[in-house]
C-alpha cells in the first residue's frame, strides 16, 4: 500500500462515480413473503417421520440404525472371542482388542478375517458379509421406495 492511509484525502461517495447507482430502501410494509414450499410438522423418531407407511418406516429405520447395531455386534463378538481364547498369548489378544476398539467398523472385520478366530469360517462370513449384504439390501430398498 503506497502512502499513509491516515494522511490520505477522503474520497466522497458521489453517485455515478464512486457509487454506481442510487439505492432505495423499501419500508418493511412493502416487502411481501414469497410462497415457498409448505413444510408440515411431523412426529419423527431418529429423523424418520412416523406419518409414512409402516414399510417406509421399517426400511428407513433399518437403513439408519443397522450400521450401529452391526458395529456393536461385531465389537461384542470379537471381544468375547478374544477374551475366551486363553490359549493365545496375552499381548496377541491385547493387540487385537486395541484394533477392534480403536479402528471403527474395519477393526472387527480385520479380526474376523485375519485374527485366527476359533469361530467357524461360515459363521464369521454370515456375521460380517451377511450383515453388510442385509444393510445394502435395506439401503437399496430405501432408495427404490423413497425415490
Protein backbone atom coordinates (compact mmCIF):
# COMPACT_ATOMS: atom_id res chain seq x y z
CA UNK A 1 0.00 0.00 0.00
CA UNK A 2 1.57 3.27 -1.03
CA UNK A 3 1.49 6.17 1.39
CA UNK A 4 -0.05 6.72 4.78
CA UNK A 5 -3.77 5.89 4.99
CA UNK A 6 -4.33 8.33 7.84
CA UNK A 7 -2.94 11.23 5.77
CA UNK A 8 -4.83 10.34 2.56
CA UNK A 9 -7.60 12.73 1.43
CA UNK A 10 -11.18 11.48 1.79
CA UNK A 11 -12.97 10.06 -1.27
CA UNK A 12 -16.58 11.24 -1.50
CA UNK A 13 -19.32 8.75 -2.40
CA UNK A 14 -20.73 10.64 -5.38
CA UNK A 15 -23.46 8.83 -7.37
CA UNK A 16 -22.18 7.83 -10.78
CA UNK A 17 -18.51 7.99 -9.79
CA UNK A 18 -17.86 6.06 -6.59
CA UNK A 19 -21.37 4.69 -6.16
CA UNK A 20 -22.76 3.04 -9.31
CA UNK A 21 -26.44 3.92 -8.78
CA UNK A 22 -28.81 5.23 -6.13
CA UNK A 23 -30.44 2.61 -3.93
CA UNK A 24 -33.85 2.99 -2.28
CA UNK A 25 -34.54 1.09 0.93
CA UNK A 26 -38.14 -0.08 0.98
CA UNK A 27 -40.28 0.10 4.12
CA UNK A 28 -40.98 -3.27 5.75
CA UNK A 29 -44.67 -2.99 4.87
CA UNK A 30 -43.89 -3.11 1.15
CA UNK A 31 -41.94 -6.36 1.42
CA UNK A 32 -44.12 -9.42 0.97
CA UNK A 33 -43.09 -13.00 1.60
CA UNK A 34 -42.73 -15.30 -1.36
CA UNK A 35 -44.70 -18.51 -1.49
CA UNK A 36 -42.14 -21.17 -0.63
CA UNK A 37 -42.54 -24.88 -0.09
CA UNK A 38 -45.07 -25.94 2.51
CA UNK A 39 -43.40 -27.71 5.40
CA UNK A 40 -45.70 -29.65 7.67
CA UNK A 41 -44.97 -30.56 11.25
CA UNK A 42 -44.41 -34.29 11.72
CA UNK A 43 -43.61 -36.53 14.62
CA UNK A 44 -40.25 -38.18 13.98
CA UNK A 45 -38.19 -40.94 15.56
CA UNK A 46 -34.45 -40.55 14.91
CA UNK A 47 -35.21 -38.35 11.90
CA UNK A 48 -37.69 -40.79 10.34
CA UNK A 49 -41.24 -39.39 10.02
CA UNK A 50 -43.94 -41.53 11.61
CA UNK A 51 -46.56 -40.33 9.13
CA UNK A 52 -45.17 -42.57 6.39
CA UNK A 53 -46.26 -46.13 5.79
CA UNK A 54 -45.19 -48.96 8.06
CA UNK A 55 -42.83 -50.31 5.39
CA UNK A 56 -41.27 -46.91 4.77
CA UNK A 57 -40.64 -46.52 8.49
CA UNK A 58 -39.17 -50.03 8.78
CA UNK A 59 -36.87 -49.61 5.79
CA UNK A 60 -35.75 -46.16 6.90
CA UNK A 61 -35.16 -47.26 10.47
CA UNK A 62 -33.14 -50.29 9.37
CA UNK A 63 -31.12 -48.12 7.00
CA UNK A 64 -30.42 -45.66 9.80
CA UNK A 65 -29.86 -47.97 12.79
CA UNK A 66 -28.49 -51.19 11.26
CA UNK A 67 -24.88 -49.97 10.81
CA UNK A 68 -24.66 -49.15 14.51
CA UNK A 69 -26.26 -52.45 15.50
CA UNK A 70 -23.84 -54.34 13.25
CA UNK A 71 -20.86 -52.47 14.67
CA UNK A 72 -21.97 -53.14 18.26
CA UNK A 73 -22.49 -56.84 17.49
CA UNK A 74 -19.13 -57.15 15.73
CA UNK A 75 -17.27 -55.48 18.60
CA UNK A 76 -19.07 -57.54 21.25
CA UNK A 77 -18.50 -60.87 19.48
CA UNK A 78 -14.86 -60.04 18.69
CA UNK A 79 -14.09 -59.03 22.30
CA UNK A 80 -15.91 -62.07 23.67
CA UNK A 81 -13.97 -64.28 21.27
CA UNK A 82 -10.64 -62.70 22.25
CA UNK A 83 -11.35 -62.95 25.97
CA UNK A 84 -12.15 -66.67 25.80
CA UNK A 85 -9.02 -67.53 23.74
CA UNK A 86 -6.85 -68.41 26.71
CA UNK A 87 -4.50 -70.48 24.55
CA UNK A 88 -3.29 -67.33 22.77
CA UNK A 89 -0.64 -65.14 24.45
CA UNK A 90 -1.90 -62.04 26.23
CA UNK A 91 0.00 -59.50 24.02
CA UNK A 92 -1.55 -61.06 20.90
CA UNK A 93 -5.06 -60.74 22.33
CA UNK A 94 -4.36 -57.21 23.59
CA UNK A 95 -3.22 -56.02 20.16
CA UNK A 96 -6.34 -57.40 18.52
CA UNK A 97 -8.57 -55.89 21.22
CA UNK A 98 -6.99 -52.50 20.58
CA UNK A 99 -7.50 -52.92 16.83
CA UNK A 100 -11.15 -53.87 17.36
CA UNK A 101 -11.82 -50.97 19.72
CA UNK A 102 -9.74 -48.22 18.09
CA UNK A 103 -10.45 -48.77 14.38
CA UNK A 104 -14.21 -48.34 13.90
CA UNK A 105 -16.00 -50.81 11.60
CA UNK A 106 -12.77 -52.04 9.97
CA UNK A 107 -11.14 -53.34 13.19
CA UNK A 108 -13.68 -56.09 13.92
CA UNK A 109 -13.77 -57.06 10.24
CA UNK A 110 -9.98 -57.37 10.17
CA UNK A 111 -10.07 -59.51 13.30
CA UNK A 112 -12.70 -61.85 11.86
CA UNK A 113 -10.71 -62.14 8.62
CA UNK A 114 -7.12 -62.39 9.93
CA UNK A 115 -7.25 -62.86 13.72
CA UNK A 116 -7.33 -66.68 13.81
CA UNK A 117 -10.71 -66.70 15.50
CA UNK A 118 -11.96 -70.13 16.61
CA UNK A 119 -15.44 -69.20 15.36
CA UNK A 120 -16.16 -71.37 12.29
CA UNK A 121 -15.47 -69.61 9.00
CA UNK A 122 -19.06 -69.94 7.78
CA UNK A 123 -20.41 -68.21 10.90
CA UNK A 124 -17.82 -65.41 10.60
CA UNK A 125 -18.85 -64.87 6.98
CA UNK A 126 -22.54 -64.72 7.90
CA UNK A 127 -21.76 -62.32 10.75
CA UNK A 128 -19.74 -59.93 8.59
CA UNK A 129 -20.60 -60.31 4.90
CA UNK A 130 -24.20 -61.26 5.66
CA UNK A 131 -24.66 -58.18 7.83
CA UNK A 132 -23.20 -55.92 5.17
CA UNK A 133 -25.39 -57.56 2.49
CA UNK A 134 -28.56 -57.09 4.57
CA UNK A 135 -27.64 -53.45 5.16
CA UNK A 136 -27.01 -52.93 1.42
CA UNK A 137 -30.39 -54.53 0.69
CA UNK A 138 -32.19 -52.12 3.02
CA UNK A 139 -30.32 -49.15 1.56
CA UNK A 140 -31.31 -50.19 -1.96
CA UNK A 141 -34.92 -50.72 -0.86
CA UNK A 142 -34.89 -47.30 0.78
CA UNK A 143 -33.57 -45.69 -2.38
CA UNK A 144 -36.13 -47.52 -4.53
CA UNK A 145 -39.09 -46.76 -2.25
CA UNK A 146 -38.01 -43.29 -1.18
CA UNK A 147 -37.04 -42.09 -4.63
